[in-house]
């Protein structure tokens, strides 16, 4: 780390603490040459995530698209906006923890269904019906039987 005052490359860490709700580490440093103090922040580098669609197209992960899909499934259901944001946060965290730069839309859909099943069964069925592209009522009823069984 170069000192912003004199350019010397050696310093010592005087203080270290978490910042930005645990997403960063704030370090107070002191230059070993000029003795000036300065602050640095360290962040976890997020991998830019690419989603592989069912037709093999690739597009950047879009958090808002995920939020909108879940909101649509939860429309007029007792699921708060805060809970939807928490679900999206959990899914995003799971995707980042995989340490892969590409993920299939199928995998994301399965994560969403898993979370919705825990939160609201009607929202789960709504999402599943669109996601799994049920062709007729038989397929829809089979999914309901799995939910009940």
N, C-alpha and C. Protein backbone atom coordinates (compact mmCIF):
# COMPACT_ATOMS: atom_id res chain seq x y z
N UNK A 1 0.85 -1.18 0.00
CA UNK A 1 0.00 0.00 0.00
C UNK A 1 0.90 1.23 0.00
N UNK A 2 0.71 2.10 -0.98
CA UNK A 2 1.50 3.33 -1.06
C UNK A 2 0.88 4.41 -0.19
N UNK A 3 1.72 5.10 0.54
CA UNK A 3 1.27 6.23 1.35
C UNK A 3 0.79 7.34 0.41
N UNK A 4 -0.42 7.87 0.63
CA UNK A 4 -0.93 8.94 -0.24
C UNK A 4 -0.19 10.27 -0.03
N UNK A 5 0.61 10.37 1.03
CA UNK A 5 1.31 11.61 1.33
C UNK A 5 2.73 11.63 0.77
N UNK A 6 3.48 10.53 0.97
CA UNK A 6 4.88 10.52 0.53
C UNK A 6 5.21 9.42 -0.48
N UNK A 7 4.27 8.48 -0.71
CA UNK A 7 4.49 7.43 -1.69
C UNK A 7 5.27 6.23 -1.18
N UNK A 8 5.67 6.26 0.09
CA UNK A 8 6.41 5.12 0.68
C UNK A 8 5.49 3.89 0.70
N UNK A 9 6.06 2.71 0.49
CA UNK A 9 5.24 1.51 0.36
C UNK A 9 5.13 0.65 1.62
N UNK A 10 5.65 1.13 2.73
CA UNK A 10 5.55 0.36 3.96
C UNK A 10 4.74 1.13 4.99
N UNK A 11 3.80 0.42 5.62
CA UNK A 11 2.97 1.03 6.65
C UNK A 11 2.63 -0.01 7.69
N UNK A 12 2.01 0.43 8.75
CA UNK A 12 1.50 -0.51 9.74
C UNK A 12 0.03 -0.22 9.97
N UNK A 13 -0.72 -1.27 10.27
CA UNK A 13 -2.15 -1.13 10.55
C UNK A 13 -2.30 -0.76 12.02
N UNK A 14 -2.95 0.39 12.25
CA UNK A 14 -3.15 0.91 13.59
C UNK A 14 -4.49 0.44 14.17
N UNK A 15 -5.50 0.35 13.29
CA UNK A 15 -6.84 -0.04 13.73
C UNK A 15 -7.53 -0.75 12.57
N UNK A 16 -8.36 -1.73 12.90
CA UNK A 16 -9.08 -2.49 11.89
C UNK A 16 -10.46 -2.81 12.42
N UNK A 17 -11.48 -2.56 11.61
CA UNK A 17 -12.86 -2.88 12.03
C UNK A 17 -13.74 -3.10 10.80
N UNK A 18 -14.87 -3.76 11.02
CA UNK A 18 -15.79 -3.99 9.91
C UNK A 18 -16.52 -2.69 9.58
N UNK A 19 -16.93 -2.59 8.32
CA UNK A 19 -17.65 -1.41 7.87
C UNK A 19 -18.72 -1.85 6.89
N UNK A 20 -19.64 -0.95 6.60
CA UNK A 20 -20.70 -1.18 5.61
C UNK A 20 -21.42 -2.50 5.85
N UNK A 21 -21.91 -2.66 7.07
CA UNK A 21 -22.69 -3.86 7.47
C UNK A 21 -21.92 -5.16 7.23
N UNK A 22 -20.62 -5.14 7.47
CA UNK A 22 -19.82 -6.36 7.34
C UNK A 22 -19.36 -6.67 5.93
N UNK A 23 -19.67 -5.80 4.98
CA UNK A 23 -19.25 -6.05 3.59
C UNK A 23 -17.86 -5.50 3.29
N UNK A 24 -17.26 -4.80 4.25
CA UNK A 24 -15.94 -4.23 4.04
C UNK A 24 -15.17 -4.23 5.35
N UNK A 25 -13.85 -4.07 5.24
CA UNK A 25 -13.00 -3.92 6.41
C UNK A 25 -12.33 -2.55 6.29
N UNK A 26 -12.47 -1.75 7.32
CA UNK A 26 -11.85 -0.43 7.36
C UNK A 26 -10.55 -0.56 8.13
N UNK A 27 -9.46 -0.10 7.52
CA UNK A 27 -8.16 -0.17 8.19
C UNK A 27 -7.56 1.24 8.29
N UNK A 28 -7.13 1.57 9.49
CA UNK A 28 -6.42 2.82 9.72
C UNK A 28 -4.94 2.47 9.67
N UNK A 29 -4.19 3.14 8.81
CA UNK A 29 -2.77 2.81 8.61
C UNK A 29 -1.90 4.01 8.93
N UNK A 30 -0.64 3.70 9.28
CA UNK A 30 0.35 4.74 9.53
C UNK A 30 1.58 4.46 8.69
N UNK A 31 2.00 5.47 7.91
CA UNK A 31 3.19 5.33 7.06
C UNK A 31 4.42 5.22 7.96
N UNK A 32 5.30 4.27 7.66
CA UNK A 32 6.50 4.07 8.47
C UNK A 32 7.56 5.13 8.19
N UNK A 33 7.41 5.87 7.10
CA UNK A 33 8.39 6.90 6.75
C UNK A 33 7.98 8.28 7.28
N UNK A 34 6.81 8.77 6.83
CA UNK A 34 6.40 10.14 7.20
C UNK A 34 5.49 10.20 8.43
N UNK A 35 5.04 9.04 8.90
CA UNK A 35 4.19 8.91 10.10
C UNK A 35 2.77 9.47 9.93
N UNK A 36 2.38 9.84 8.69
CA UNK A 36 1.01 10.28 8.44
C UNK A 36 0.08 9.07 8.50
N UNK A 37 -1.16 9.33 8.87
CA UNK A 37 -2.16 8.27 8.93
C UNK A 37 -3.16 8.40 7.79
N UNK A 38 -3.63 7.25 7.30
CA UNK A 38 -4.63 7.24 6.23
C UNK A 38 -5.51 6.01 6.40
N UNK A 39 -6.68 6.03 5.75
CA UNK A 39 -7.67 4.97 5.87
C UNK A 39 -7.82 4.23 4.55
N UNK A 40 -7.91 2.90 4.64
CA UNK A 40 -8.20 2.08 3.46
C UNK A 40 -9.40 1.21 3.75
N UNK A 41 -10.06 0.79 2.69
CA UNK A 41 -11.19 -0.12 2.80
C UNK A 41 -10.91 -1.34 1.93
N UNK A 42 -11.22 -2.52 2.46
CA UNK A 42 -11.08 -3.75 1.70
C UNK A 42 -12.46 -4.34 1.48
N UNK A 43 -12.71 -4.77 0.23
CA UNK A 43 -13.99 -5.35 -0.14
C UNK A 43 -13.76 -6.73 -0.75
N UNK A 44 -14.74 -7.60 -0.60
CA UNK A 44 -14.70 -8.88 -1.28
C UNK A 44 -15.02 -8.61 -2.75
N UNK A 45 -14.20 -9.16 -3.62
CA UNK A 45 -14.43 -8.96 -5.04
C UNK A 45 -15.55 -9.89 -5.50
N UNK A 46 -16.62 -9.29 -5.97
CA UNK A 46 -17.74 -10.08 -6.47
C UNK A 46 -17.48 -10.48 -7.92
N UNK A 47 -17.69 -11.74 -8.20
CA UNK A 47 -17.52 -12.24 -9.55
C UNK A 47 -18.73 -11.80 -10.37
N UNK A 48 -18.47 -11.25 -11.56
CA UNK A 48 -19.56 -10.87 -12.45
C UNK A 48 -20.21 -12.17 -12.93
N UNK A 49 -21.47 -12.30 -12.66
CA UNK A 49 -22.17 -13.54 -12.93
C UNK A 49 -22.89 -13.49 -14.27
N UNK A 50 -22.72 -14.55 -15.06
CA UNK A 50 -23.39 -14.67 -16.34
C UNK A 50 -24.42 -15.79 -16.23
N UNK A 51 -25.63 -15.52 -16.70
CA UNK A 51 -26.71 -16.51 -16.65
C UNK A 51 -26.81 -17.17 -18.02
N UNK A 52 -26.80 -18.51 -18.02
CA UNK A 52 -26.98 -19.27 -19.25
C UNK A 52 -28.46 -19.62 -19.33
N UNK A 53 -29.13 -19.04 -20.33
CA UNK A 53 -30.56 -19.24 -20.51
C UNK A 53 -30.83 -20.63 -21.11
N UNK A 54 -32.10 -21.05 -21.12
CA UNK A 54 -32.45 -22.38 -21.62
C UNK A 54 -32.14 -22.56 -23.10
N UNK A 55 -32.08 -21.46 -23.86
CA UNK A 55 -31.74 -21.55 -25.29
C UNK A 55 -30.24 -21.33 -25.53
N UNK A 56 -29.45 -21.41 -24.45
CA UNK A 56 -27.98 -21.27 -24.47
C UNK A 56 -27.48 -19.83 -24.61
N UNK A 57 -28.40 -18.85 -24.71
CA UNK A 57 -27.95 -17.46 -24.71
C UNK A 57 -27.35 -17.15 -23.36
N UNK A 58 -26.44 -16.19 -23.33
CA UNK A 58 -25.83 -15.76 -22.09
C UNK A 58 -26.13 -14.28 -21.88
N UNK A 59 -26.46 -13.95 -20.64
CA UNK A 59 -26.70 -12.55 -20.30
C UNK A 59 -26.24 -12.30 -18.88
N UNK A 60 -25.90 -11.06 -18.55
CA UNK A 60 -25.45 -10.74 -17.19
C UNK A 60 -26.58 -10.98 -16.18
N UNK A 61 -26.21 -11.43 -14.99
CA UNK A 61 -27.18 -11.61 -13.92
C UNK A 61 -27.81 -10.26 -13.61
N UNK A 62 -29.12 -10.25 -13.46
CA UNK A 62 -29.87 -9.03 -13.19
C UNK A 62 -30.70 -9.23 -11.93
N UNK A 63 -30.25 -8.64 -10.85
CA UNK A 63 -30.94 -8.77 -9.56
C UNK A 63 -32.39 -8.30 -9.66
N UNK A 64 -32.61 -7.20 -10.37
CA UNK A 64 -33.96 -6.64 -10.46
C UNK A 64 -34.91 -7.59 -11.17
N UNK A 65 -34.41 -8.32 -12.15
CA UNK A 65 -35.23 -9.30 -12.86
C UNK A 65 -35.69 -10.39 -11.88
N UNK A 66 -34.79 -10.80 -11.01
CA UNK A 66 -35.11 -11.81 -9.99
C UNK A 66 -36.15 -11.27 -9.01
N UNK A 67 -35.95 -10.04 -8.56
CA UNK A 67 -36.90 -9.39 -7.64
C UNK A 67 -38.28 -9.33 -8.29
N UNK A 68 -38.33 -8.89 -9.56
CA UNK A 68 -39.61 -8.74 -10.25
C UNK A 68 -40.33 -10.08 -10.40
N UNK A 69 -39.60 -11.15 -10.72
CA UNK A 69 -40.21 -12.47 -10.86
C UNK A 69 -40.80 -12.97 -9.56
N UNK A 70 -40.08 -12.74 -8.47
CA UNK A 70 -40.57 -13.18 -7.15
C UNK A 70 -41.75 -12.32 -6.71
N UNK A 71 -41.68 -11.02 -6.98
CA UNK A 71 -42.81 -10.13 -6.64
C UNK A 71 -44.07 -10.55 -7.38
N UNK A 72 -43.93 -10.91 -8.62
CA UNK A 72 -45.07 -11.35 -9.42
C UNK A 72 -45.71 -12.61 -8.81
N UNK A 73 -44.87 -13.55 -8.41
CA UNK A 73 -45.39 -14.78 -7.79
C UNK A 73 -46.05 -14.49 -6.44
N UNK A 74 -45.57 -13.47 -5.75
CA UNK A 74 -46.08 -13.14 -4.41
C UNK A 74 -47.17 -12.08 -4.43
N UNK A 75 -47.61 -11.68 -5.63
CA UNK A 75 -48.64 -10.66 -5.75
C UNK A 75 -49.90 -11.05 -4.96
N UNK A 76 -50.36 -10.12 -4.13
CA UNK A 76 -51.55 -10.31 -3.29
C UNK A 76 -51.41 -11.48 -2.32
N UNK A 77 -50.18 -11.77 -1.93
CA UNK A 77 -49.90 -12.79 -0.92
C UNK A 77 -49.27 -12.09 0.28
N UNK A 78 -49.35 -12.71 1.46
CA UNK A 78 -48.80 -12.05 2.66
C UNK A 78 -47.28 -12.18 2.77
N UNK A 79 -46.59 -11.73 1.71
CA UNK A 79 -45.13 -11.77 1.69
C UNK A 79 -44.66 -10.32 1.53
N UNK A 80 -43.95 -9.82 2.53
CA UNK A 80 -43.53 -8.42 2.52
C UNK A 80 -42.39 -8.17 1.52
N UNK A 81 -42.26 -6.92 1.14
CA UNK A 81 -41.16 -6.52 0.25
C UNK A 81 -39.82 -6.82 0.91
N UNK A 82 -39.78 -6.65 2.22
CA UNK A 82 -38.55 -6.94 2.97
C UNK A 82 -38.19 -8.43 2.87
N UNK A 83 -39.19 -9.30 2.95
CA UNK A 83 -38.97 -10.74 2.84
C UNK A 83 -38.49 -11.09 1.43
N UNK A 84 -39.07 -10.46 0.42
CA UNK A 84 -38.65 -10.71 -0.97
C UNK A 84 -37.19 -10.31 -1.14
N UNK A 85 -36.81 -9.16 -0.60
CA UNK A 85 -35.41 -8.71 -0.67
C UNK A 85 -34.50 -9.70 0.04
N UNK A 86 -34.95 -10.24 1.18
CA UNK A 86 -34.15 -11.22 1.91
C UNK A 86 -33.96 -12.49 1.09
N UNK A 87 -35.02 -12.93 0.41
CA UNK A 87 -34.93 -14.12 -0.45
C UNK A 87 -33.91 -13.88 -1.56
N UNK A 88 -33.99 -12.73 -2.19
CA UNK A 88 -33.06 -12.39 -3.28
C UNK A 88 -31.64 -12.32 -2.75
N UNK A 89 -31.45 -11.74 -1.56
CA UNK A 89 -30.11 -11.68 -0.94
C UNK A 89 -29.56 -13.08 -0.72
N UNK A 90 -30.40 -13.99 -0.21
CA UNK A 90 -29.97 -15.37 0.04
C UNK A 90 -29.58 -16.06 -1.26
N UNK A 91 -30.36 -15.85 -2.30
CA UNK A 91 -30.07 -16.47 -3.60
C UNK A 91 -28.77 -15.90 -4.17
N UNK A 92 -28.62 -14.59 -4.10
CA UNK A 92 -27.39 -13.96 -4.60
C UNK A 92 -26.16 -14.47 -3.85
N UNK A 93 -26.28 -14.59 -2.55
CA UNK A 93 -25.17 -15.11 -1.74
C UNK A 93 -24.83 -16.53 -2.16
N UNK A 94 -25.85 -17.35 -2.33
CA UNK A 94 -25.62 -18.74 -2.76
C UNK A 94 -24.92 -18.79 -4.12
N UNK A 95 -25.31 -17.91 -5.02
CA UNK A 95 -24.69 -17.87 -6.34
C UNK A 95 -23.24 -17.41 -6.26
N UNK A 96 -22.96 -16.40 -5.43
CA UNK A 96 -21.58 -15.90 -5.28
C UNK A 96 -20.69 -16.94 -4.61
N UNK A 97 -21.25 -17.71 -3.66
CA UNK A 97 -20.46 -18.70 -2.95
C UNK A 97 -20.06 -19.88 -3.83
N UNK A 98 -20.73 -20.05 -4.96
CA UNK A 98 -20.38 -21.12 -5.89
C UNK A 98 -19.03 -20.86 -6.56
N UNK A 99 -18.58 -19.62 -6.54
CA UNK A 99 -17.30 -19.22 -7.13
C UNK A 99 -17.18 -19.59 -8.61
N UNK A 100 -18.29 -19.55 -9.30
CA UNK A 100 -18.28 -19.79 -10.74
C UNK A 100 -18.80 -18.54 -11.42
N UNK A 101 -18.31 -18.26 -12.61
CA UNK A 101 -18.73 -17.04 -13.30
C UNK A 101 -20.00 -17.24 -14.11
N UNK A 102 -20.40 -18.51 -14.33
CA UNK A 102 -21.62 -18.79 -15.08
C UNK A 102 -22.54 -19.69 -14.27
N UNK A 103 -23.83 -19.45 -14.42
CA UNK A 103 -24.84 -20.24 -13.74
C UNK A 103 -26.04 -20.38 -14.68
N UNK A 104 -26.69 -21.52 -14.63
CA UNK A 104 -27.85 -21.72 -15.51
C UNK A 104 -29.10 -21.07 -14.90
N UNK A 105 -29.98 -20.64 -15.78
CA UNK A 105 -31.24 -20.07 -15.31
C UNK A 105 -32.04 -21.16 -14.58
N UNK A 106 -31.84 -22.40 -14.97
CA UNK A 106 -32.53 -23.51 -14.31
C UNK A 106 -32.12 -23.59 -12.84
N UNK A 107 -30.83 -23.45 -12.57
CA UNK A 107 -30.34 -23.50 -11.19
C UNK A 107 -30.94 -22.35 -10.38
N UNK A 108 -30.97 -21.16 -10.95
CA UNK A 108 -31.56 -20.02 -10.25
C UNK A 108 -33.03 -20.27 -9.98
N UNK A 109 -33.76 -20.79 -10.97
CA UNK A 109 -35.17 -21.10 -10.80
C UNK A 109 -35.42 -22.10 -9.68
N UNK A 110 -34.56 -23.11 -9.59
CA UNK A 110 -34.69 -24.11 -8.52
C UNK A 110 -34.47 -23.47 -7.15
N UNK A 111 -33.48 -22.56 -7.06
CA UNK A 111 -33.25 -21.85 -5.79
C UNK A 111 -34.46 -21.02 -5.40
N UNK A 112 -35.04 -20.33 -6.37
CA UNK A 112 -36.23 -19.51 -6.10
C UNK A 112 -37.37 -20.38 -5.60
N UNK A 113 -37.61 -21.49 -6.28
CA UNK A 113 -38.72 -22.38 -5.86
C UNK A 113 -38.49 -22.93 -4.46
N UNK A 114 -37.25 -23.28 -4.16
CA UNK A 114 -36.91 -23.79 -2.82
C UNK A 114 -37.25 -22.75 -1.75
N UNK A 115 -36.87 -21.50 -2.01
CA UNK A 115 -37.14 -20.42 -1.04
C UNK A 115 -38.64 -20.11 -0.94
N UNK A 116 -39.32 -20.05 -2.08
CA UNK A 116 -40.76 -19.73 -2.07
C UNK A 116 -41.56 -20.83 -1.39
N UNK A 117 -41.14 -22.07 -1.55
CA UNK A 117 -41.84 -23.19 -0.92
C UNK A 117 -41.84 -23.03 0.60
N UNK A 118 -40.75 -22.50 1.14
CA UNK A 118 -40.63 -22.28 2.59
C UNK A 118 -41.47 -21.10 3.06
N UNK A 119 -41.67 -20.11 2.18
CA UNK A 119 -42.30 -18.86 2.56
C UNK A 119 -43.81 -18.84 2.31
N UNK A 120 -44.23 -19.27 1.11
CA UNK A 120 -45.64 -19.20 0.75
C UNK A 120 -45.91 -20.21 -0.36
N UNK A 121 -46.73 -21.21 -0.07
CA UNK A 121 -46.97 -22.29 -1.03
C UNK A 121 -47.71 -21.82 -2.29
N UNK A 122 -48.58 -20.83 -2.15
CA UNK A 122 -49.28 -20.32 -3.33
C UNK A 122 -48.29 -19.60 -4.25
N UNK A 123 -47.43 -18.79 -3.68
CA UNK A 123 -46.40 -18.11 -4.48
C UNK A 123 -45.49 -19.15 -5.15
N UNK A 124 -45.19 -20.21 -4.42
CA UNK A 124 -44.38 -21.29 -4.98
C UNK A 124 -45.06 -21.90 -6.21
N UNK A 125 -46.34 -22.23 -6.10
CA UNK A 125 -47.07 -22.85 -7.21
C UNK A 125 -47.16 -21.88 -8.39
N UNK A 126 -47.39 -20.61 -8.11
CA UNK A 126 -47.45 -19.62 -9.18
C UNK A 126 -46.11 -19.58 -9.94
N UNK A 127 -45.03 -19.50 -9.17
CA UNK A 127 -43.72 -19.42 -9.80
C UNK A 127 -43.42 -20.70 -10.58
N UNK A 128 -43.72 -21.85 -9.96
CA UNK A 128 -43.46 -23.14 -10.61
C UNK A 128 -44.24 -23.28 -11.91
N UNK A 129 -45.46 -22.79 -11.93
CA UNK A 129 -46.28 -22.94 -13.14
C UNK A 129 -45.68 -22.18 -14.32
N UNK A 130 -45.09 -21.03 -14.06
CA UNK A 130 -44.44 -20.26 -15.13
C UNK A 130 -43.06 -20.85 -15.43
N UNK A 131 -42.30 -21.11 -14.38
CA UNK A 131 -40.94 -21.60 -14.54
C UNK A 131 -40.89 -22.97 -15.23
N UNK A 132 -41.77 -23.87 -14.82
CA UNK A 132 -41.76 -25.22 -15.40
C UNK A 132 -42.59 -25.32 -16.68
N UNK A 133 -43.25 -24.22 -17.03
CA UNK A 133 -44.02 -24.15 -18.28
C UNK A 133 -45.00 -25.32 -18.43
N UNK A 134 -45.86 -25.45 -17.43
CA UNK A 134 -46.86 -26.52 -17.48
C UNK A 134 -47.67 -26.40 -18.77
N UNK A 135 -47.85 -27.52 -19.44
CA UNK A 135 -48.57 -27.54 -20.71
C UNK A 135 -50.07 -27.76 -20.52
N UNK A 136 -50.42 -28.45 -19.43
CA UNK A 136 -51.84 -28.69 -19.20
C UNK A 136 -52.10 -28.85 -17.71
N UNK A 137 -53.38 -29.03 -17.37
CA UNK A 137 -53.76 -29.12 -15.95
C UNK A 137 -53.19 -30.36 -15.27
N UNK A 138 -52.91 -31.41 -16.02
CA UNK A 138 -52.36 -32.63 -15.42
C UNK A 138 -50.99 -32.36 -14.80
N UNK A 139 -50.16 -31.66 -15.53
CA UNK A 139 -48.83 -31.32 -15.01
C UNK A 139 -48.96 -30.43 -13.77
N UNK A 140 -49.90 -29.51 -13.83
CA UNK A 140 -50.13 -28.61 -12.70
C UNK A 140 -50.59 -29.40 -11.47
N UNK A 141 -51.51 -30.32 -11.68
CA UNK A 141 -52.02 -31.16 -10.57
C UNK A 141 -50.93 -32.05 -9.99
N UNK A 142 -50.04 -32.54 -10.83
CA UNK A 142 -48.93 -33.37 -10.35
C UNK A 142 -48.05 -32.55 -9.40
N UNK A 143 -47.79 -31.32 -9.75
CA UNK A 143 -46.98 -30.45 -8.88
C UNK A 143 -47.68 -30.20 -7.56
N UNK A 144 -48.98 -30.00 -7.59
CA UNK A 144 -49.75 -29.81 -6.36
C UNK A 144 -49.71 -31.06 -5.49
N UNK A 145 -49.81 -32.24 -6.11
CA UNK A 145 -49.74 -33.50 -5.36
C UNK A 145 -48.40 -33.63 -4.65
N UNK A 146 -47.32 -33.23 -5.33
CA UNK A 146 -45.98 -33.29 -4.70
C UNK A 146 -45.94 -32.36 -3.49
N UNK A 147 -46.57 -31.21 -3.63
CA UNK A 147 -46.59 -30.23 -2.55
C UNK A 147 -47.37 -30.75 -1.34
N UNK A 148 -48.49 -31.43 -1.62
CA UNK A 148 -49.33 -31.96 -0.56
C UNK A 148 -48.78 -33.25 0.04
N UNK A 149 -48.07 -34.02 -0.78
CA UNK A 149 -47.60 -35.35 -0.36
C UNK A 149 -46.36 -35.27 0.42
